[in-house]
Amino acid sequence: MTTSELGDFFQDQAMYHVHNTGPNAAVSGVCKSGRLVCHGSCFVNELPAAELASMKLLINKTKAADKDKSVIVYSHSMISAETGAAAKYADSIITNSAGEQVTYIRCAKGSDYPLFFATSGNSYGAQMMAYYRKALDIGFTGVYHECERNDIVSASLSHNSALRAVSFVDLRPRIPTANGTESAACLTQRRRRCFTSSGRSA
């Protein structure tokens, strides 16, 4: 597709943003077939050179076709494919009631994608701040931020101010509902709702 054709495609599709999917990690999954996605701290510390080149190609082609087009990167702030992440960010792990780290995928052979909760004061929070700065340095102008059903914001970024506007923790107050109050524990419940006052989930 030529630059002109790409520009016409943007216009025909009324595209406001061009979205980059998660890059592949260098390692394969235990449960997941094929290579893992280089989520979280993997993006900061172990992003393969070929994936970086692919991202820059997307950005450059998009800007050549339409210099005002926003190019955003997919971000999942709670999972990582970095080697040894659980040990590196032990202060930030999400655990179950037995004190075991929760993982995004679990199977008979083991698990993939340990889960972390990033804050402004823990080690994984520092990694996520580095993630957004790196995305900006690569040339992305925004981020699609996913945090399961607690997805708070997808935002345009700037080096000067937008890092404060992008949420990588749940900034909403707990919401009263008919069954109780939404809990931060919902962050570990994939597509499920849990309530602190009733102990029920649906």
N, C-alpha and C. Protein backbone atom coordinates (compact mmCIF):
# COMPACT_ATOMS: atom_id res chain seq x y z
N MET A 1 0.85 -1.19 0.00
CA MET A 1 0.00 0.00 0.00
C MET A 1 0.88 1.24 0.00
N THR A 2 0.63 2.14 -0.91
CA THR A 2 1.41 3.37 -0.98
C THR A 2 0.99 4.33 0.13
N THR A 3 1.82 5.35 0.35
CA THR A 3 1.50 6.34 1.36
C THR A 3 0.17 7.02 1.06
N SER A 4 -0.05 7.33 -0.22
CA SER A 4 -1.30 7.97 -0.63
C SER A 4 -2.49 7.06 -0.38
N GLU A 5 -2.33 5.79 -0.71
CA GLU A 5 -3.42 4.83 -0.49
C GLU A 5 -3.70 4.65 1.00
N LEU A 6 -2.65 4.67 1.80
CA LEU A 6 -2.84 4.56 3.25
C LEU A 6 -3.60 5.76 3.79
N GLY A 7 -3.25 6.95 3.31
CA GLY A 7 -3.98 8.15 3.71
C GLY A 7 -5.44 8.10 3.32
N ASP A 8 -5.72 7.59 2.11
CA ASP A 8 -7.10 7.44 1.65
C ASP A 8 -7.84 6.43 2.53
N PHE A 9 -7.14 5.35 2.90
CA PHE A 9 -7.75 4.33 3.76
C PHE A 9 -8.14 4.94 5.11
N PHE A 10 -7.25 5.73 5.71
CA PHE A 10 -7.57 6.39 6.98
C PHE A 10 -8.84 7.23 6.84
N GLN A 11 -8.91 7.99 5.75
CA GLN A 11 -10.05 8.87 5.54
C GLN A 11 -11.33 8.07 5.28
N ASP A 12 -11.24 7.06 4.45
CA ASP A 12 -12.41 6.25 4.13
C ASP A 12 -12.98 5.54 5.36
N GLN A 13 -12.09 5.11 6.24
CA GLN A 13 -12.51 4.39 7.45
C GLN A 13 -12.78 5.32 8.62
N ALA A 14 -12.62 6.62 8.41
CA ALA A 14 -12.81 7.62 9.48
C ALA A 14 -12.00 7.25 10.72
N MET A 15 -10.74 6.89 10.51
CA MET A 15 -9.88 6.45 11.61
C MET A 15 -9.31 7.64 12.37
N TYR A 16 -9.50 7.62 13.68
CA TYR A 16 -8.93 8.65 14.54
C TYR A 16 -7.57 8.21 15.09
N HIS A 17 -7.43 6.90 15.31
CA HIS A 17 -6.20 6.35 15.88
C HIS A 17 -5.75 5.16 15.07
N VAL A 18 -4.44 4.95 15.04
CA VAL A 18 -3.86 3.72 14.52
C VAL A 18 -3.31 2.98 15.73
N HIS A 19 -3.66 1.71 15.83
CA HIS A 19 -3.39 0.96 17.06
C HIS A 19 -2.37 -0.14 16.81
N ASN A 20 -1.33 -0.19 17.64
CA ASN A 20 -0.34 -1.25 17.57
C ASN A 20 -0.71 -2.34 18.56
N THR A 21 -0.75 -3.58 18.09
CA THR A 21 -1.01 -4.69 19.00
C THR A 21 0.23 -4.97 19.85
N GLY A 22 0.07 -5.78 20.87
CA GLY A 22 1.20 -6.09 21.73
C GLY A 22 2.30 -6.79 20.97
N PRO A 23 3.56 -6.40 21.17
CA PRO A 23 4.68 -7.03 20.47
C PRO A 23 4.97 -8.42 21.03
N ASN A 24 5.54 -9.28 20.21
CA ASN A 24 5.93 -10.60 20.68
C ASN A 24 7.16 -10.53 21.58
N ALA A 25 7.15 -11.36 22.60
CA ALA A 25 8.33 -11.51 23.45
C ALA A 25 9.29 -12.50 22.79
N ALA A 26 10.49 -12.60 23.34
CA ALA A 26 11.46 -13.54 22.80
C ALA A 26 11.20 -14.96 23.27
N VAL A 27 10.40 -15.12 24.32
CA VAL A 27 10.19 -16.43 24.93
C VAL A 27 8.80 -16.97 24.59
N SER A 28 8.70 -18.30 24.59
CA SER A 28 7.42 -18.96 24.36
C SER A 28 6.72 -19.24 25.68
N GLY A 29 5.41 -19.44 25.60
CA GLY A 29 4.64 -19.69 26.80
C GLY A 29 4.72 -21.13 27.27
N VAL A 30 4.40 -21.32 28.54
CA VAL A 30 4.26 -22.66 29.10
C VAL A 30 2.90 -23.23 28.71
N CYS A 31 1.87 -22.40 28.89
CA CYS A 31 0.50 -22.80 28.55
C CYS A 31 0.10 -22.28 27.16
N LYS A 32 0.47 -21.05 26.87
CA LYS A 32 0.10 -20.40 25.62
C LYS A 32 0.95 -20.94 24.48
N SER A 33 0.31 -21.29 23.39
CA SER A 33 1.02 -21.77 22.22
C SER A 33 1.78 -20.62 21.57
N GLY A 34 3.03 -20.86 21.22
CA GLY A 34 3.82 -19.83 20.56
C GLY A 34 4.40 -18.83 21.55
N ARG A 35 4.94 -17.75 20.99
CA ARG A 35 5.61 -16.76 21.83
C ARG A 35 4.60 -15.95 22.65
N LEU A 36 5.02 -15.55 23.83
CA LEU A 36 4.20 -14.68 24.66
C LEU A 36 4.19 -13.27 24.09
N VAL A 37 3.25 -12.46 24.54
CA VAL A 37 3.24 -11.05 24.18
C VAL A 37 4.11 -10.31 25.19
N CYS A 38 4.92 -9.39 24.71
CA CYS A 38 5.89 -8.69 25.56
C CYS A 38 5.19 -7.59 26.37
N HIS A 39 4.35 -8.01 27.29
CA HIS A 39 3.58 -7.08 28.13
C HIS A 39 4.43 -6.53 29.27
N GLY A 40 3.98 -5.41 29.79
CA GLY A 40 4.51 -4.86 31.03
C GLY A 40 6.01 -4.63 31.01
N SER A 41 6.69 -5.11 32.06
CA SER A 41 8.12 -4.86 32.20
C SER A 41 8.93 -5.52 31.09
N CYS A 42 8.38 -6.51 30.41
CA CYS A 42 9.05 -7.09 29.25
C CYS A 42 9.28 -6.03 28.18
N PHE A 43 8.30 -5.17 27.95
CA PHE A 43 8.40 -4.08 26.98
C PHE A 43 9.55 -3.16 27.32
N VAL A 44 9.76 -2.94 28.61
CA VAL A 44 10.82 -2.03 29.08
C VAL A 44 12.19 -2.68 28.93
N ASN A 45 12.31 -3.95 29.33
CA ASN A 45 13.62 -4.56 29.50
C ASN A 45 14.00 -5.64 28.48
N GLU A 46 13.02 -6.23 27.79
CA GLU A 46 13.33 -7.36 26.90
C GLU A 46 12.62 -7.27 25.55
N LEU A 47 12.30 -6.08 25.10
CA LEU A 47 11.61 -5.91 23.81
C LEU A 47 12.55 -6.32 22.68
N PRO A 48 12.19 -7.34 21.90
CA PRO A 48 13.07 -7.78 20.80
C PRO A 48 13.27 -6.67 19.76
N ALA A 49 14.47 -6.63 19.18
CA ALA A 49 14.81 -5.59 18.21
C ALA A 49 13.86 -5.61 17.01
N ALA A 50 13.46 -6.81 16.58
CA ALA A 50 12.57 -6.91 15.42
C ALA A 50 11.20 -6.30 15.73
N GLU A 51 10.74 -6.45 16.97
CA GLU A 51 9.44 -5.88 17.36
C GLU A 51 9.52 -4.35 17.43
N LEU A 52 10.65 -3.85 17.94
CA LEU A 52 10.86 -2.40 17.97
C LEU A 52 10.87 -1.83 16.56
N ALA A 53 11.55 -2.51 15.66
CA ALA A 53 11.61 -2.05 14.27
C ALA A 53 10.22 -2.03 13.64
N SER A 54 9.40 -3.05 13.95
CA SER A 54 8.04 -3.11 13.42
C SER A 54 7.20 -1.94 13.93
N MET A 55 7.36 -1.62 15.21
CA MET A 55 6.62 -0.49 15.79
C MET A 55 7.01 0.82 15.10
N LYS A 56 8.30 1.02 14.90
CA LYS A 56 8.77 2.26 14.28
C LYS A 56 8.30 2.34 12.83
N LEU A 57 8.23 1.21 12.15
CA LEU A 57 7.72 1.19 10.77
C LEU A 57 6.27 1.64 10.74
N LEU A 58 5.45 1.13 11.67
CA LEU A 58 4.04 1.52 11.75
C LEU A 58 3.92 3.02 12.00
N ILE A 59 4.70 3.53 12.94
CA ILE A 59 4.65 4.96 13.28
C ILE A 59 5.06 5.81 12.08
N ASN A 60 6.17 5.45 11.45
CA ASN A 60 6.68 6.25 10.33
C ASN A 60 5.74 6.24 9.14
N LYS A 61 5.17 5.09 8.81
CA LYS A 61 4.24 5.00 7.68
C LYS A 61 2.96 5.79 7.97
N THR A 62 2.50 5.70 9.21
CA THR A 62 1.28 6.42 9.58
C THR A 62 1.51 7.92 9.49
N LYS A 63 2.62 8.40 10.04
CA LYS A 63 2.91 9.83 10.03
C LYS A 63 3.16 10.35 8.62
N ALA A 64 3.73 9.50 7.76
CA ALA A 64 3.94 9.90 6.37
C ALA A 64 2.61 10.09 5.64
N ALA A 65 1.64 9.25 6.00
CA ALA A 65 0.32 9.34 5.37
C ALA A 65 -0.53 10.47 5.95
N ASP A 66 -0.38 10.70 7.25
CA ASP A 66 -1.16 11.74 7.93
C ASP A 66 -0.41 12.14 9.19
N LYS A 67 0.28 13.26 9.14
CA LYS A 67 1.15 13.68 10.25
C LYS A 67 0.38 13.96 11.54
N ASP A 68 -0.93 14.16 11.43
CA ASP A 68 -1.73 14.46 12.63
C ASP A 68 -2.40 13.22 13.21
N LYS A 69 -2.19 12.07 12.57
CA LYS A 69 -2.85 10.85 13.05
C LYS A 69 -2.19 10.36 14.34
N SER A 70 -3.02 9.98 15.31
CA SER A 70 -2.54 9.44 16.57
C SER A 70 -2.17 7.97 16.40
N VAL A 71 -1.01 7.59 16.91
CA VAL A 71 -0.59 6.19 16.87
C VAL A 71 -0.44 5.72 18.31
N ILE A 72 -1.26 4.76 18.71
CA ILE A 72 -1.28 4.34 20.10
C ILE A 72 -0.81 2.90 20.25
N VAL A 73 -0.25 2.62 21.43
CA VAL A 73 0.28 1.30 21.71
C VAL A 73 -0.60 0.62 22.76
N TYR A 74 -0.82 -0.66 22.58
CA TYR A 74 -1.60 -1.45 23.54
C TYR A 74 -0.78 -1.65 24.81
N SER A 75 -1.42 -1.45 25.96
CA SER A 75 -0.73 -1.60 27.23
C SER A 75 -1.61 -2.35 28.22
N HIS A 76 -1.06 -3.41 28.78
CA HIS A 76 -1.74 -4.12 29.88
C HIS A 76 -0.84 -3.97 31.09
N SER A 77 -1.29 -3.25 32.07
CA SER A 77 -0.41 -2.85 33.19
C SER A 77 -0.26 -3.90 34.28
N MET A 78 -0.95 -5.02 34.17
CA MET A 78 -0.94 -5.97 35.28
C MET A 78 -0.20 -7.27 35.00
N ILE A 79 0.17 -7.52 33.75
CA ILE A 79 0.84 -8.78 33.44
C ILE A 79 2.19 -8.52 32.79
N SER A 80 3.12 -9.46 32.98
CA SER A 80 4.45 -9.31 32.41
C SER A 80 4.92 -10.63 31.81
N ALA A 81 5.70 -10.51 30.74
CA ALA A 81 6.35 -11.67 30.14
C ALA A 81 7.86 -11.61 30.35
N GLU A 82 8.31 -10.67 31.18
CA GLU A 82 9.75 -10.55 31.44
C GLU A 82 10.27 -11.77 32.19
N THR A 83 11.44 -12.22 31.83
CA THR A 83 12.08 -13.35 32.50
C THR A 83 12.33 -13.01 33.97
N GLY A 84 11.84 -13.88 34.86
CA GLY A 84 12.09 -13.69 36.29
C GLY A 84 11.35 -12.52 36.92
N ALA A 85 10.27 -12.08 36.30
CA ALA A 85 9.55 -10.90 36.79
C ALA A 85 9.03 -11.08 38.22
N ALA A 86 8.55 -12.27 38.54
CA ALA A 86 7.97 -12.50 39.88
C ALA A 86 8.98 -12.23 40.98
N ALA A 87 10.23 -12.62 40.75
CA ALA A 87 11.27 -12.39 41.75
C ALA A 87 11.74 -10.93 41.74
N LYS A 88 11.81 -10.32 40.58
CA LYS A 88 12.30 -8.95 40.46
C LYS A 88 11.36 -7.94 41.11
N TYR A 89 10.05 -8.21 41.02
CA TYR A 89 9.05 -7.25 41.51
C TYR A 89 8.19 -7.89 42.59
N ALA A 90 8.85 -8.55 43.52
CA ALA A 90 8.16 -9.33 44.55
C ALA A 90 7.27 -8.46 45.44
N ASP A 91 7.59 -7.18 45.56
CA ASP A 91 6.78 -6.29 46.39
C ASP A 91 5.48 -5.88 45.72
N SER A 92 5.30 -6.28 44.46
CA SER A 92 4.16 -5.80 43.67
C SER A 92 3.23 -6.92 43.21
N ILE A 93 3.50 -8.16 43.63
CA ILE A 93 2.71 -9.28 43.12
C ILE A 93 1.29 -9.26 43.67
N ILE A 94 0.37 -9.79 42.88
CA ILE A 94 -1.02 -9.99 43.31
C ILE A 94 -1.13 -11.44 43.77
N THR A 95 -1.67 -11.64 44.95
CA THR A 95 -1.75 -13.00 45.52
C THR A 95 -3.20 -13.40 45.74
N ASN A 96 -3.40 -14.71 45.84
CA ASN A 96 -4.71 -15.24 46.20
C ASN A 96 -4.80 -15.38 47.72
N SER A 97 -5.87 -15.96 48.20
CA SER A 97 -6.08 -16.06 49.65
C SER A 97 -5.03 -16.95 50.32
N ALA A 98 -4.36 -17.78 49.54
CA ALA A 98 -3.32 -18.66 50.10
C ALA A 98 -1.94 -18.02 50.05
N GLY A 99 -1.88 -16.78 49.55
CA GLY A 99 -0.61 -16.08 49.47
C GLY A 99 0.21 -16.43 48.24
N GLU A 100 -0.40 -17.12 47.27
CA GLU A 100 0.30 -17.50 46.05
C GLU A 100 0.05 -16.46 44.97
N GLN A 101 1.07 -16.19 44.17
CA GLN A 101 0.90 -15.21 43.11
C GLN A 101 -0.13 -15.67 42.09
N VAL A 102 -1.01 -14.76 41.70
CA VAL A 102 -2.02 -15.03 40.69
C VAL A 102 -1.39 -14.85 39.32
N THR A 103 -1.74 -15.73 38.39
CA THR A 103 -1.26 -15.62 37.02
C THR A 103 -2.43 -15.47 36.06
N TYR A 104 -2.16 -14.89 34.91
CA TYR A 104 -3.21 -14.63 33.92
C TYR A 104 -3.67 -15.92 33.25
N ILE A 105 -2.74 -16.83 33.00
CA ILE A 105 -3.05 -18.11 32.38
C ILE A 105 -2.45 -19.22 33.24
N ARG A 106 -3.25 -20.24 33.53
CA ARG A 106 -2.77 -21.38 34.30
C ARG A 106 -3.23 -22.66 33.61
N CYS A 107 -2.36 -23.65 33.62
CA CYS A 107 -2.68 -24.94 33.00
C CYS A 107 -1.98 -26.04 33.78
N ALA A 108 -2.16 -27.28 33.34
CA ALA A 108 -1.55 -28.41 34.05
C ALA A 108 -0.03 -28.34 34.04
N LYS A 109 0.54 -27.72 33.00
CA LYS A 109 2.00 -27.63 32.88
C LYS A 109 2.61 -26.50 33.70
N GLY A 110 1.78 -25.55 34.13
CA GLY A 110 2.31 -24.41 34.88
C GLY A 110 1.48 -23.16 34.64
N SER A 111 2.13 -22.05 34.33
CA SER A 111 1.40 -20.79 34.15
C SER A 111 2.19 -19.82 33.30
N ASP A 112 1.48 -18.83 32.77
CA ASP A 112 2.08 -17.73 32.02
C ASP A 112 1.55 -16.41 32.57
N TYR A 113 2.33 -15.37 32.43
CA TYR A 113 1.94 -14.01 32.77
C TYR A 113 1.58 -13.83 34.25
N PRO A 114 2.57 -13.74 35.13
CA PRO A 114 2.28 -13.40 36.53
C PRO A 114 1.65 -12.01 36.61
N LEU A 115 0.78 -11.80 37.60
CA LEU A 115 0.08 -10.53 37.74
C LEU A 115 0.72 -9.66 38.82
N PHE A 116 0.73 -8.36 38.53
CA PHE A 116 1.31 -7.36 39.43
C PHE A 116 0.34 -6.20 39.58
N PHE A 117 0.47 -5.48 40.69
CA PHE A 117 -0.32 -4.28 40.91
C PHE A 117 0.63 -3.10 41.04
N ALA A 118 0.65 -2.24 40.04
CA ALA A 118 1.58 -1.11 39.99
C ALA A 118 1.05 0.07 40.78
N THR A 119 1.89 0.64 41.62
CA THR A 119 1.56 1.88 42.33
C THR A 119 2.73 2.84 42.19
N SER A 120 2.55 4.05 42.67
CA SER A 120 3.63 5.04 42.60
C SER A 120 4.77 4.72 43.56
N GLY A 121 4.57 3.75 44.46
CA GLY A 121 5.58 3.48 45.46
C GLY A 121 6.20 2.09 45.40
N ASN A 122 5.84 1.27 44.41
CA ASN A 122 6.45 -0.06 44.37
C ASN A 122 7.27 -0.26 43.10
N SER A 123 7.97 -1.40 43.04
CA SER A 123 8.92 -1.63 41.95
C SER A 123 8.24 -1.80 40.60
N TYR A 124 7.06 -2.41 40.57
CA TYR A 124 6.39 -2.58 39.29
C TYR A 124 5.79 -1.27 38.80
N GLY A 125 5.41 -0.41 39.72
CA GLY A 125 4.96 0.92 39.33
C GLY A 125 6.05 1.68 38.60
N ALA A 126 7.28 1.55 39.07
CA ALA A 126 8.40 2.21 38.39
C ALA A 126 8.59 1.65 36.98
N GLN A 127 8.37 0.35 36.82
CA GLN A 127 8.46 -0.26 35.51
C GLN A 127 7.39 0.27 34.56
N MET A 128 6.18 0.45 35.07
CA MET A 128 5.11 0.95 34.21
C MET A 128 5.34 2.40 33.82
N MET A 129 5.90 3.20 34.71
CA MET A 129 6.25 4.57 34.32
C MET A 129 7.31 4.54 33.22
N ALA A 130 8.27 3.62 33.36
CA ALA A 130 9.30 3.48 32.33
C ALA A 130 8.69 3.00 31.02
N TYR A 131 7.65 2.18 31.11
CA TYR A 131 6.93 1.69 29.92
C TYR A 131 6.39 2.87 29.11
N TYR A 132 5.67 3.76 29.78
CA TYR A 132 5.04 4.87 29.07
C TYR A 132 6.08 5.84 28.52
N ARG A 133 7.15 6.06 29.27
CA ARG A 133 8.21 6.93 28.76
C ARG A 133 8.87 6.30 27.51
N LYS A 134 9.08 5.00 27.55
CA LYS A 134 9.68 4.32 26.40
C LYS A 134 8.76 4.39 25.20
N ALA A 135 7.45 4.21 25.41
CA ALA A 135 6.49 4.31 24.32
C ALA A 135 6.57 5.68 23.65
N LEU A 136 6.70 6.73 24.45
CA LEU A 136 6.84 8.08 23.92
C LEU A 136 8.13 8.23 23.15
N ASP A 137 9.23 7.70 23.70
CA ASP A 137 10.52 7.81 23.04
C ASP A 137 10.53 7.09 21.70
N ILE A 138 9.81 5.98 21.61
CA ILE A 138 9.71 5.24 20.35
C ILE A 138 8.97 6.06 19.30
N GLY A 139 8.01 6.86 19.75
CA GLY A 139 7.26 7.72 18.84
C GLY A 139 5.76 7.61 18.92
N PHE A 140 5.26 6.75 19.82
CA PHE A 140 3.81 6.65 20.00
C PHE A 140 3.27 7.94 20.61
N THR A 141 2.04 8.28 20.24
CA THR A 141 1.42 9.49 20.76
C THR A 141 0.32 9.21 21.77
N GLY A 142 0.08 7.94 22.03
CA GLY A 142 -0.96 7.59 22.98
C GLY A 142 -0.85 6.15 23.40
N VAL A 143 -1.75 5.76 24.30
CA VAL A 143 -1.74 4.41 24.81
C VAL A 143 -3.16 3.91 24.97
N TYR A 144 -3.39 2.67 24.51
CA TYR A 144 -4.65 2.00 24.82
C TYR A 144 -4.37 1.18 26.07
N HIS A 145 -4.95 1.60 27.17
CA HIS A 145 -4.65 0.99 28.47
C HIS A 145 -5.74 0.01 28.83
N GLU A 146 -5.35 -1.26 28.98
CA GLU A 146 -6.31 -2.28 29.38
C GLU A 146 -5.98 -2.80 30.76
N CYS A 147 -7.02 -2.87 31.57
CA CYS A 147 -6.86 -3.46 32.90
C CYS A 147 -8.13 -4.23 33.18
N GLU A 148 -8.45 -5.18 32.27
CA GLU A 148 -9.68 -5.97 32.34
C GLU A 148 -10.89 -5.05 32.42
N ARG A 149 -11.85 -5.33 33.28
CA ARG A 149 -13.07 -4.54 33.31
C ARG A 149 -12.87 -3.20 34.00
N ASN A 150 -11.68 -2.97 34.58
CA ASN A 150 -11.39 -1.70 35.24
C ASN A 150 -10.60 -0.77 34.34
N ASP A 151 -10.69 -0.99 33.02
CA ASP A 151 -10.01 -0.10 32.08
C ASP A 151 -10.50 1.33 32.33
N ILE A 152 -9.59 2.19 32.75
CA ILE A 152 -9.97 3.54 33.15
C ILE A 152 -9.79 4.54 32.03
N VAL A 153 -8.67 4.46 31.32
CA VAL A 153 -8.40 5.54 30.39
C VAL A 153 -7.49 5.07 29.26
N SER A 154 -7.78 5.55 28.07
CA SER A 154 -6.85 5.47 26.96
C SER A 154 -6.57 6.91 26.58
N ALA A 155 -5.30 7.30 26.56
CA ALA A 155 -5.02 8.72 26.53
C ALA A 155 -3.90 9.08 25.57
N SER A 156 -3.93 10.34 25.12
CA SER A 156 -2.79 10.90 24.43
C SER A 156 -1.76 11.30 25.48
N LEU A 157 -0.50 11.23 25.08
CA LEU A 157 0.57 11.45 26.05
C LEU A 157 1.50 12.56 25.60
N SER A 158 2.20 13.15 26.56
CA SER A 158 3.33 14.02 26.27
C SER A 158 4.36 13.80 27.35
N HIS A 159 5.62 14.07 27.04
CA HIS A 159 6.67 13.84 28.02
C HIS A 159 6.50 14.73 29.25
N ASN A 160 5.87 15.88 29.07
CA ASN A 160 5.80 16.84 30.17
C ASN A 160 4.70 16.60 31.17
N SER A 161 3.55 16.11 30.71
CA SER A 161 2.43 16.07 31.64
C SER A 161 1.57 14.82 31.61
N ALA A 162 1.50 14.14 30.48
CA ALA A 162 0.47 13.12 30.33
C ALA A 162 0.70 11.88 31.18
N LEU A 163 1.93 11.64 31.62
CA LEU A 163 2.14 10.46 32.46
C LEU A 163 1.31 10.55 33.73
N ARG A 164 1.00 11.75 34.18
CA ARG A 164 0.15 11.91 35.36
C ARG A 164 -1.31 11.66 35.03
N ALA A 165 -1.66 11.75 33.76
CA ALA A 165 -3.05 11.58 33.35
C ALA A 165 -3.39 10.14 33.02
N VAL A 166 -2.39 9.32 32.76
CA VAL A 166 -2.64 7.92 32.41
C VAL A 166 -2.73 7.10 33.67
N SER A 167 -3.81 6.36 33.80
CA SER A 167 -4.04 5.58 35.00
C SER A 167 -3.50 4.18 34.87
N PHE A 168 -2.62 3.78 35.80
CA PHE A 168 -2.24 2.38 35.83
C PHE A 168 -2.63 1.75 37.15
N VAL A 169 -3.42 2.48 37.94
CA VAL A 169 -4.13 1.91 39.08
C VAL A 169 -5.57 2.41 38.97
N ASP A 170 -6.48 1.76 39.67
CA ASP A 170 -7.88 2.13 39.60
C ASP A 170 -8.09 3.43 40.35
N LEU A 171 -8.39 4.51 39.62
CA LEU A 171 -8.56 5.81 40.23
C LEU A 171 -10.00 6.11 40.62
N ARG A 172 -10.92 5.23 40.22
CA ARG A 172 -12.32 5.49 40.56
C ARG A 172 -12.58 5.17 42.03
N PRO A 173 -13.48 5.89 42.66
CA PRO A 173 -13.90 5.50 44.01
C PRO A 173 -14.67 4.20 43.94
N ARG A 174 -14.75 3.50 45.02
CA ARG A 174 -15.58 2.30 45.04
C ARG A 174 -17.03 2.69 44.78
N ILE A 175 -17.71 1.92 43.97
CA ILE A 175 -19.03 2.29 43.48
C ILE A 175 -20.11 1.51 44.21
N PRO A 176 -21.00 2.17 44.94
CA PRO A 176 -22.10 1.45 45.59
C PRO A 176 -22.99 0.80 44.55
N THR A 177 -23.39 -0.44 44.80
CA THR A 177 -24.29 -1.16 43.90
C THR A 177 -25.36 -1.85 44.74
N ALA A 178 -26.30 -2.47 44.05
CA ALA A 178 -27.38 -3.16 44.76
C ALA A 178 -26.85 -4.32 45.60
N ASN A 179 -25.72 -4.90 45.17
CA ASN A 179 -25.18 -6.06 45.86
C ASN A 179 -24.04 -5.75 46.82
N GLY A 180 -23.65 -4.50 46.89
CA GLY A 180 -22.53 -4.15 47.77
C GLY A 180 -21.68 -3.07 47.14
N THR A 181 -20.38 -3.14 47.35
CA THR A 181 -19.45 -2.14 46.84
C THR A 181 -18.37 -2.82 46.03
N GLU A 182 -18.07 -2.29 44.86
CA GLU A 182 -17.01 -2.87 44.05
C GLU A 182 -15.69 -2.81 44.80
N SER A 183 -14.94 -3.86 44.71
CA SER A 183 -13.68 -3.97 45.43
C SER A 183 -12.49 -3.92 44.49
N ALA A 184 -11.35 -3.45 45.00
CA ALA A 184 -10.12 -3.48 44.21
C ALA A 184 -9.74 -4.91 43.87
N ALA A 185 -10.25 -5.86 44.63
CA ALA A 185 -9.97 -7.27 44.34
C ALA A 185 -10.53 -7.67 42.99
N CYS A 186 -11.47 -6.89 42.45
CA CYS A 186 -12.00 -7.19 41.12
C CYS A 186 -10.90 -7.17 40.07
N LEU A 187 -9.80 -6.49 40.36
CA LEU A 187 -8.71 -6.42 39.40
C LEU A 187 -8.16 -7.80 39.07
N THR A 188 -8.34 -8.76 39.98
CA THR A 188 -7.84 -10.10 39.72
C THR A 188 -8.92 -11.03 39.18
N GLN A 189 -10.13 -10.52 39.01
CA GLN A 189 -11.23 -11.33 38.53
C GLN A 189 -11.47 -11.03 37.06
N ARG A 190 -11.11 -11.92 36.18
CA ARG A 190 -11.26 -11.69 34.74
C ARG A 190 -12.73 -11.66 34.35
N ARG A 191 -13.18 -10.48 33.92
CA ARG A 191 -14.55 -10.27 33.45
C ARG A 191 -15.58 -10.71 34.49
N ARG A 192 -15.28 -10.51 35.76
CA ARG A 192 -16.24 -10.83 36.81
C ARG A 192 -16.36 -9.64 37.75
N ARG A 193 -17.47 -9.57 38.43
CA ARG A 193 -17.69 -8.48 39.38
C ARG A 193 -17.73 -9.06 40.78
N CYS A 194 -17.03 -8.43 41.70
CA CYS A 194 -17.06 -8.90 43.08
C CYS A 194 -17.43 -7.73 43.99
N PHE A 195 -17.93 -8.04 45.15
CA PHE A 195 -18.44 -7.03 46.05
C PHE A 195 -17.91 -7.27 47.47
N THR A 196 -17.43 -6.20 48.10
CA THR A 196 -16.83 -6.37 49.41
C THR A 196 -17.85 -6.64 50.51
N SER A 197 -19.04 -6.09 50.39
CA SER A 197 -19.98 -6.20 51.50
C SER A 197 -20.78 -7.50 51.49
N SER A 198 -20.95 -8.10 50.32
CA SER A 198 -21.78 -9.30 50.26
C SER A 198 -20.98 -10.58 50.08
N GLY A 199 -19.73 -10.41 49.60
CA GLY A 199 -18.90 -11.57 49.36
C GLY A 199 -19.32 -12.37 48.15
N ARG A 200 -20.23 -11.86 47.35
CA ARG A 200 -20.71 -12.59 46.20
C ARG A 200 -20.00 -12.10 44.94
N SER A 201 -20.00 -12.92 43.94
CA SER A 201 -19.52 -12.50 42.63
C SER A 201 -20.51 -12.96 41.58
N ALA A 202 -20.56 -12.23 40.48
CA ALA A 202 -21.51 -12.58 39.42
C ALA A 202 -20.87 -12.36 38.06
